[in-house]
Amino acid sequence: MKNKIEIVSFEKLIYIQKNGRFEEDRLFEEIIKECDIKNPFEYQIAFLKQDEIYHCFLSRVENLPKCLACFPKAFIFKPLFKNNLIEKNNFCFLELYLNEVYLCFYEQDKFKAFKKFKYEKNLELFLEKTHILELLQYYESEILISFENNDLIKELKNKTIVCKILEQNENKLAKLSVPILDKNANFIKTSRKIFPYYLKLIFLFLFSFIGVSGILIFTNFLNYQENKNLQTQNKNSQDKLYKLEKEKNKILEKKLKDLNLTLCDKKILLDQNFNQLNEIVKNFKPSKDRTLILKNIFIWLNQNSLGISSLKLKDYNIVIQFNNQENYLHALKNLKTEFKLISKNDALHQIILELIHG
C-alpha cells in the first residue's frame, strides 16, 4: 500500500447530513437506505461528527486509490484555521467544475455545510436561483476562497464579497489534514498486514490439522444430529409454546421502545421550542395580539412535532426557520387555517406567516 495521501473530488461524492447518535455501521445502513443504494458493498463512507450532526460522504470503492489515507475534498480545509493559513474565522470554499458549483462552509475549523448547484452562464440569474449570497450571509462567511479565479468569483467580487485565491494546493492541504482529521473522515478503513514466514508455516500446519479434525468431527456430528432429531420431535409442543411467549414479549418490548422513542422525541422538541421561547421572551413587549400569535404558533409547532432553529415576530408576521428540510416541508403541508403563508425560502428552510384575525 502506498504511503500517500489522496482526496476524492466533489463530482465523485454523495453528501448526506444526519442528525442524532449512530454507531458507524448503523450510520452507513441509514445512509444507504436513504440514498436507495441497491449494492452497499460498492460504496465506502467517510464522515465528520459535529455535536449530534453527521456530515457524511459516500464514494464508490472503485474511485478510491490504494493509499494510506483518502479524504473527501470537502474535509481538507480544516487546517486553514488550525494552521493560521487564513485570517478570518468563518469562510466558504467555492469550486466550479464543468457545470457544477460546490460550496463548503466552515466556522473556524468546524465543517458546517455542503451545497451543490447546477452552473449557469447567466450569473445574475444563477445567483438569484441558488441564493448563494443569502447562504454566505446565513453562515456568516467573512471570506470566499477558491483555487482558481473564474467568472463566478469575479462576479461575487463585484457583489462586494471578499474573495481570496489560495496559495496552497489541495495536495498540501490533504497532508496537513492527516493529524487533524480522525479515522472516520478517512475512506480507507482497513490495512493489509504482512506476516513473517514462520507464522505462515504455523498457520499452514494449523489449517491442515483443523481440516483433518473437521472430517472426524463432521462424522461424529452426523451421528449426534440423528440422535438430536429424535429428541427434538418430543419437544415440539414445548418449543411452540416457548416461541409464542417469546414473540409476545418481543411485541411488548417493541411497543415500549417505540413509546419511549416517541416520548424522547417529544421532549427534545419541547426543549427546543422552550429555548426558542426563552429567546423571544428576553426582548418581548407583551400585548394581547402578540401573546395570541405566540400561543397559536407554539400550539401548532408542538401538535406537528416541528423542530425550529429560530422564531421572530415582526408586527403580525411570524418568521420561522426550521432546523431541517423535513420539518420545513412538513410545516408547509400542515399549515393551520389561522395562518396565512406570506413567503417561503427553500434554501434557508424559512417561512413567513401572518395570523389571520377572526
Protein backbone atom coordinates (compact mmCIF):
# COMPACT_ATOMS: atom_id res chain seq x y z
CA MET A 1 0.00 0.00 0.00
CA LYS A 2 1.37 3.43 -0.97
CA ASN A 3 2.26 5.80 1.88
CA LYS A 4 0.39 8.55 0.09
CA ILE A 5 -2.44 10.93 0.96
CA GLU A 6 -5.22 11.22 -1.63
CA ILE A 7 -8.50 13.11 -1.93
CA VAL A 8 -11.78 12.28 -3.67
CA SER A 9 -13.07 15.13 -5.83
CA PHE A 10 -16.56 16.57 -5.40
CA GLU A 11 -18.12 15.05 -8.53
CA LYS A 12 -17.40 11.53 -7.18
CA LEU A 13 -19.08 12.15 -3.82
CA ILE A 14 -22.60 11.80 -2.43
CA TYR A 15 -23.35 14.08 0.55
CA ILE A 16 -25.88 13.29 3.29
CA GLN A 17 -26.39 15.08 6.62
CA LYS A 18 -27.82 13.04 9.51
CA ASN A 19 -28.87 14.18 12.97
CA GLY A 20 -28.81 12.01 16.10
CA ARG A 21 -26.43 9.43 17.51
CA PHE A 22 -25.22 6.47 15.46
CA GLU A 23 -22.63 3.73 15.52
CA GLU A 24 -20.64 3.74 12.26
CA ASP A 25 -22.29 0.57 10.88
CA ARG A 26 -25.76 1.84 11.74
CA LEU A 27 -24.99 5.24 10.20
CA PHE A 28 -23.83 3.57 6.96
CA GLU A 29 -27.02 1.46 6.83
CA GLU A 30 -29.22 4.53 7.32
CA ILE A 31 -27.48 6.46 4.54
CA ILE A 32 -27.54 3.52 2.11
CA LYS A 33 -31.27 3.17 2.76
CA GLU A 34 -31.91 6.91 2.37
CA CYS A 35 -29.99 7.03 -0.93
CA ASP A 36 -31.80 3.87 -2.16
CA ILE A 37 -28.48 2.18 -3.00
CA LYS A 38 -29.05 -1.43 -4.07
CA ASN A 39 -25.49 -2.73 -3.62
CA PRO A 40 -23.92 -1.21 -0.47
CA PHE A 41 -20.70 -3.20 -0.93
CA GLU A 42 -19.79 -0.93 -3.83
CA TYR A 43 -19.59 2.12 -1.52
CA GLN A 44 -17.45 3.38 1.37
CA ILE A 45 -18.25 6.12 3.90
CA ALA A 46 -16.26 8.99 5.43
CA PHE A 47 -17.81 11.40 7.91
CA LEU A 48 -17.26 14.18 10.44
CA LYS A 49 -19.33 14.50 13.61
CA GLN A 50 -20.15 17.97 14.98
CA ASP A 51 -22.18 17.59 18.21
CA GLU A 52 -25.07 15.37 17.04
CA ILE A 53 -24.77 16.30 13.34
CA TYR A 54 -23.05 13.85 11.00
CA HIS A 55 -21.63 15.24 7.74
CA CYS A 56 -21.33 12.11 5.59
CA PHE A 57 -19.84 11.45 2.16
CA LEU A 58 -20.21 8.26 0.14
CA SER A 59 -17.86 7.25 -2.65
CA ARG A 60 -17.74 4.21 -4.89
CA VAL A 61 -14.96 1.81 -3.88
CA GLU A 62 -13.69 1.85 -7.47
CA ASN A 63 -12.95 5.59 -7.08
CA LEU A 64 -10.73 5.06 -4.02
CA PRO A 65 -6.99 4.74 -4.69
CA LYS A 66 -4.70 2.39 -2.78
CA CYS A 67 -3.09 4.69 -0.25
CA LEU A 68 -2.54 5.38 3.44
CA ALA A 69 -5.39 7.91 3.71
CA CYS A 70 -8.08 9.21 1.38
CA PHE A 71 -10.35 12.13 2.39
CA PRO A 72 -13.38 13.79 0.79
CA LYS A 73 -12.25 17.08 -0.72
CA ALA A 74 -14.74 18.97 1.48
CA PHE A 75 -12.80 17.99 4.65
CA ILE A 76 -9.29 19.19 3.71
CA PHE A 77 -9.91 22.86 4.60
CA LYS A 78 -9.83 22.34 8.38
CA PRO A 79 -6.05 23.10 8.51
CA LEU A 80 -6.61 26.60 7.12
CA PHE A 81 -7.78 27.84 10.52
CA LYS A 82 -5.81 25.37 12.66
CA ASN A 83 -2.51 26.32 10.96
CA ASN A 84 -3.28 30.07 10.77
CA LEU A 85 -3.34 29.98 6.95
CA ILE A 86 -6.45 32.17 6.82
CA GLU A 87 -7.14 35.43 8.64
CA LYS A 88 -10.91 35.03 9.03
CA ASN A 89 -12.88 32.81 11.40
CA ASN A 90 -15.78 31.90 9.11
CA PHE A 91 -15.10 31.09 5.47
CA CYS A 92 -16.56 29.37 2.43
CA PHE A 93 -14.68 27.37 -0.22
CA LEU A 94 -16.05 27.53 -3.78
CA GLU A 95 -15.18 25.30 -6.71
CA LEU A 96 -16.55 25.46 -10.24
CA TYR A 97 -16.04 22.19 -12.14
CA LEU A 98 -17.62 21.69 -15.56
CA ASN A 99 -21.32 22.52 -14.97
CA GLU A 100 -21.36 22.12 -11.19
CA VAL A 101 -20.66 24.59 -8.37
CA TYR A 102 -19.64 23.24 -4.95
CA LEU A 103 -19.65 25.19 -1.67
CA CYS A 104 -18.10 24.15 1.67
CA PHE A 105 -18.96 26.29 4.70
CA TYR A 106 -16.65 26.41 7.74
CA GLU A 107 -16.86 28.05 11.16
CA GLN A 108 -13.20 28.22 12.20
CA ASP A 109 -12.12 24.56 11.86
CA LYS A 110 -15.65 23.16 12.08
CA PHE A 111 -17.29 21.90 8.88
CA LYS A 112 -20.84 23.34 8.83
CA ALA A 113 -22.46 22.58 5.46
CA PHE A 114 -22.01 21.45 1.86
CA LYS A 115 -24.01 22.72 -1.13
CA LYS A 116 -24.05 21.77 -4.82
CA PHE A 117 -25.68 23.67 -7.69
CA LYS A 118 -26.01 23.39 -11.47
CA TYR A 119 -23.95 26.19 -13.04
CA GLU A 120 -25.48 28.71 -15.46
CA LYS A 121 -23.53 31.21 -17.55
CA ASN A 122 -26.14 33.90 -16.78
CA LEU A 123 -24.54 34.74 -13.43
CA GLU A 124 -27.24 37.15 -12.25
CA LEU A 125 -29.92 34.51 -12.81
CA PHE A 126 -27.68 31.81 -11.29
CA LEU A 127 -27.10 33.79 -8.07
CA GLU A 128 -30.81 34.56 -7.81
CA LYS A 129 -31.81 30.90 -8.21
CA THR A 130 -29.19 29.43 -5.86
CA HIS A 131 -29.34 32.12 -3.13
CA ILE A 132 -25.56 31.91 -2.75
CA LEU A 133 -25.37 35.47 -1.42
CA GLU A 134 -28.03 34.64 1.17
CA LEU A 135 -26.18 31.45 2.14
CA LEU A 136 -22.95 33.36 2.68
CA GLN A 137 -24.87 35.74 4.92
CA TYR A 138 -26.66 32.91 6.76
CA TYR A 139 -23.41 31.06 7.57
CA GLU A 140 -21.74 34.42 8.38
CA SER A 141 -18.92 33.72 5.91
CA GLU A 142 -16.36 36.51 6.13
CA ILE A 143 -14.37 35.45 3.09
CA LEU A 144 -14.82 33.27 -0.01
CA ILE A 145 -11.82 31.16 -1.03
CA SER A 146 -11.01 29.13 -4.12
CA PHE A 147 -8.14 27.51 -6.00
CA GLU A 148 -8.81 29.46 -9.19
CA ASN A 149 -10.09 32.88 -10.26
CA ASN A 150 -13.11 32.13 -12.51
CA ASP A 151 -16.03 34.22 -13.80
CA LEU A 152 -18.18 33.35 -10.81
CA ILE A 153 -15.51 34.54 -8.36
CA LYS A 154 -15.20 37.78 -10.32
CA GLU A 155 -18.97 38.29 -10.23
CA LEU A 156 -19.06 37.73 -6.46
CA LYS A 157 -16.24 40.25 -6.05
CA ASN A 158 -18.43 42.74 -7.91
CA LYS A 159 -21.12 41.99 -5.31
CA THR A 160 -18.65 43.21 -2.64
CA ILE A 161 -17.90 39.67 -1.43
CA VAL A 162 -14.34 39.34 -0.06
CA CYS A 163 -12.59 36.65 -2.14
CA LYS A 164 -9.15 35.07 -2.00
CA ILE A 165 -7.29 32.61 -4.22
CA LEU A 166 -5.48 30.03 -2.07
CA GLU A 167 -1.72 29.76 -2.35
CA GLN A 168 -1.75 26.20 -1.01
CA ASN A 169 -2.80 23.44 -3.40
CA GLU A 170 -5.16 20.61 -2.47
CA ASN A 171 -2.33 18.06 -2.02
CA LYS A 172 -0.64 20.23 0.61
CA LEU A 173 -3.93 20.73 2.46
CA ALA A 174 -4.57 16.98 2.34
CA LYS A 175 -1.20 16.27 4.01
CA LEU A 176 -1.87 18.93 6.67
CA SER A 177 -5.25 17.26 7.34
CA VAL A 178 -3.78 13.90 8.40
CA PRO A 179 -3.04 14.82 12.06
CA ILE A 180 -6.27 16.85 12.33
CA LEU A 181 -8.91 14.53 10.85
CA ASP A 182 -9.93 11.40 12.76
CA LYS A 183 -10.23 7.90 11.31
CA ASN A 184 -13.94 8.40 10.49
CA ALA A 185 -13.03 11.07 7.89
CA ASN A 186 -10.81 8.57 6.06
CA PHE A 187 -12.32 6.42 3.30
CA ILE A 188 -9.56 3.83 3.83
CA LYS A 189 -10.84 1.63 6.67
CA THR A 190 -8.54 -1.40 6.57
CA SER A 191 -4.85 -2.09 6.12
CA ARG A 192 -3.02 -5.22 5.00
CA LYS A 193 -0.65 -6.87 7.44
CA ILE A 194 2.48 -8.70 6.31
CA PHE A 195 3.05 -11.88 8.35
CA PRO A 196 6.52 -13.37 8.92
CA TYR A 197 7.37 -16.59 7.10
CA TYR A 198 7.38 -18.70 10.27
CA LEU A 199 3.85 -17.53 11.08
CA LYS A 200 2.70 -18.65 7.63
CA LEU A 201 4.11 -22.13 8.34
CA ILE A 202 2.31 -22.23 11.69
CA PHE A 203 -0.96 -21.23 10.06
CA LEU A 204 -0.49 -23.84 7.33
CA PHE A 205 0.06 -26.54 9.96
CA LEU A 206 -2.98 -25.39 11.93
CA PHE A 207 -5.09 -25.31 8.79
CA SER A 208 -4.10 -28.91 7.92
CA PHE A 209 -4.75 -30.07 11.47
CA ILE A 210 -8.14 -28.39 11.57
CA GLY A 211 -9.03 -29.92 8.19
CA VAL A 212 -8.36 -33.47 9.37
CA SER A 213 -10.07 -32.82 12.69
CA GLY A 214 -13.02 -31.35 10.86
CA ILE A 215 -13.62 -34.56 8.92
CA LEU A 216 -13.68 -36.59 12.15
CA ILE A 217 -15.89 -34.05 13.88
CA PHE A 218 -18.27 -33.97 10.93
CA THR A 219 -18.68 -37.78 11.05
CA ASN A 220 -19.46 -37.66 14.76
CA PHE A 221 -21.73 -34.71 14.19
CA LEU A 222 -23.91 -36.69 11.77
CA ASN A 223 -24.46 -39.34 14.47
CA TYR A 224 -25.13 -36.68 17.06
CA GLN A 225 -27.57 -34.88 14.77
CA GLU A 226 -29.57 -38.06 14.19
CA ASN A 227 -30.00 -38.56 17.96
CA LYS A 228 -30.80 -34.89 18.44
CA ASN A 229 -33.58 -35.00 15.83
CA LEU A 230 -35.27 -37.80 17.73
CA GLN A 231 -35.19 -35.76 20.92
CA THR A 232 -36.43 -32.63 19.14
CA GLN A 233 -39.57 -34.37 17.90
CA ASN A 234 -40.60 -34.98 21.52
CA LYS A 235 -40.11 -31.33 22.42
CA ASN A 236 -42.02 -29.70 19.54
CA SER A 237 -45.04 -28.79 21.62
CA GLN A 238 -42.93 -27.11 24.32
CA ASP A 239 -40.91 -25.23 21.70
CA LYS A 240 -44.04 -23.86 20.05
CA LEU A 241 -45.37 -22.55 23.35
CA TYR A 242 -42.00 -21.01 24.16
CA LYS A 243 -41.80 -19.30 20.73
CA LEU A 244 -45.30 -17.86 21.11
CA GLU A 245 -44.40 -16.44 24.51
CA LYS A 246 -41.11 -15.07 23.18
CA GLU A 247 -42.83 -13.38 20.21
CA LYS A 248 -45.39 -11.87 22.56
CA ASN A 249 -42.59 -10.45 24.74
CA LYS A 250 -40.83 -9.07 21.65
CA ILE A 251 -44.01 -7.28 20.57
CA LEU A 252 -44.42 -5.77 24.03
CA GLU A 253 -40.75 -4.72 24.13
CA LYS A 254 -41.04 -3.11 20.69
CA LYS A 255 -44.15 -1.18 21.72
CA LEU A 256 -42.42 0.04 24.88
CA LYS A 257 -39.33 1.02 22.87
CA ASP A 258 -41.45 2.89 20.30
CA LEU A 259 -43.30 4.65 23.10
CA ASN A 260 -40.02 5.68 24.77
CA LEU A 261 -38.65 6.97 21.46
CA THR A 262 -41.83 8.96 20.86
CA LEU A 263 -41.67 10.47 24.34
CA CYS A 264 -37.97 11.25 23.87
CA ASP A 265 -38.65 12.95 20.53
CA LYS A 266 -41.46 14.98 22.09
CA LYS A 267 -39.19 16.03 24.96
CA ILE A 268 -36.42 17.13 22.55
CA LEU A 269 -38.94 19.12 20.53
CA LEU A 270 -40.40 20.75 23.66
CA ASP A 271 -36.90 21.64 24.89
CA GLN A 272 -36.05 23.19 21.53
CA ASN A 273 -39.25 25.21 21.41
CA PHE A 274 -38.83 26.19 25.07
CA ASN A 275 -35.36 27.55 24.29
CA GLN A 276 -36.75 29.48 21.34
CA LEU A 277 -39.50 30.85 23.58
CA ASN A 278 -36.91 31.99 26.15
CA GLU A 279 -35.03 33.89 23.43
CA ILE A 280 -38.25 35.62 22.40
CA VAL A 281 -39.26 36.46 25.97
CA LYS A 282 -35.96 38.28 26.63
CA ASN A 283 -36.96 41.16 24.32
CA PHE A 284 -40.70 40.58 24.37
CA LYS A 285 -43.05 43.54 24.72
CA PRO A 286 -46.34 41.96 25.81
CA SER A 287 -49.60 42.79 24.09
CA LYS A 288 -52.82 40.91 23.60
CA ASP A 289 -52.25 40.35 19.87
CA ARG A 290 -48.58 39.28 20.20
CA THR A 291 -49.47 36.90 23.05
CA LEU A 292 -52.20 35.35 20.87
CA ILE A 293 -49.73 34.91 17.98
CA LEU A 294 -47.18 33.18 20.24
CA LYS A 295 -49.83 30.95 21.76
CA ASN A 296 -51.17 29.81 18.39
CA ILE A 297 -47.76 29.32 16.80
CA PHE A 298 -46.37 27.13 19.63
CA ILE A 299 -49.57 25.05 19.78
CA TRP A 300 -49.17 24.41 16.05
CA LEU A 301 -45.41 23.57 16.33
CA ASN A 302 -45.94 21.09 19.18
CA GLN A 303 -49.00 19.44 17.60
CA ASN A 304 -47.00 18.74 14.43
CA SER A 305 -43.70 17.85 16.18
CA LEU A 306 -41.84 20.57 14.29
CA GLY A 307 -38.25 21.47 15.32
CA ILE A 308 -37.10 25.02 14.60
CA SER A 309 -33.82 26.96 14.61
CA SER A 310 -35.26 30.44 15.15
CA LEU A 311 -38.51 32.35 15.50
CA LYS A 312 -39.05 36.11 15.20
CA LEU A 313 -42.09 38.41 15.46
CA LYS A 314 -42.37 41.39 13.13
CA ASP A 315 -45.67 43.21 13.77
CA TYR A 316 -48.23 40.49 12.95
CA ASN A 317 -45.81 38.43 10.91
CA ILE A 318 -44.03 35.36 12.25
CA VAL A 319 -40.62 34.45 10.72
CA ILE A 320 -39.78 30.80 11.39
CA GLN A 321 -36.61 28.97 10.36
CA PHE A 322 -36.76 25.16 10.66
CA ASN A 323 -33.81 23.03 11.67
CA ASN A 324 -34.01 20.73 8.64
CA GLN A 325 -35.78 20.24 5.32
CA GLU A 326 -38.07 17.50 6.67
CA ASN A 327 -39.61 19.81 9.29
CA TYR A 328 -39.79 22.63 6.73
CA LEU A 329 -41.78 20.55 4.21
CA HIS A 330 -43.97 19.08 6.97
CA ALA A 331 -44.81 22.60 8.16
CA LEU A 332 -45.85 23.74 4.68
CA LYS A 333 -48.05 20.68 4.32
CA ASN A 334 -49.79 21.16 7.68
CA LEU A 335 -50.40 24.90 7.91
CA LYS A 336 -53.35 25.81 10.16
CA THR A 337 -56.24 27.82 8.73
CA GLU A 338 -55.43 30.59 11.25
CA PHE A 339 -52.14 31.25 9.43
CA LYS A 340 -51.59 32.84 6.05
CA LEU A 341 -48.33 31.98 4.21
CA ILE A 342 -46.66 35.26 3.18
CA SER A 343 -43.44 33.83 1.74
CA LYS A 344 -41.06 30.86 1.90
CA ASN A 345 -37.34 30.23 1.30
CA ASP A 346 -36.50 26.62 0.35
CA ALA A 347 -32.74 27.14 0.66
CA LEU A 348 -32.91 28.53 4.22
CA HIS A 349 -35.90 26.35 5.28
CA GLN A 350 -37.69 29.59 6.26
CA ILE A 351 -41.34 30.70 6.08
CA ILE A 352 -43.13 33.93 6.97
CA LEU A 353 -46.68 33.60 8.32
CA GLU A 354 -49.41 36.04 9.25
CA LEU A 355 -52.04 35.24 11.88
CA ILE A 356 -55.49 35.71 10.35
CA HIS A 357 -57.67 37.63 12.78
CA GLY A 358 -61.16 36.18 13.24
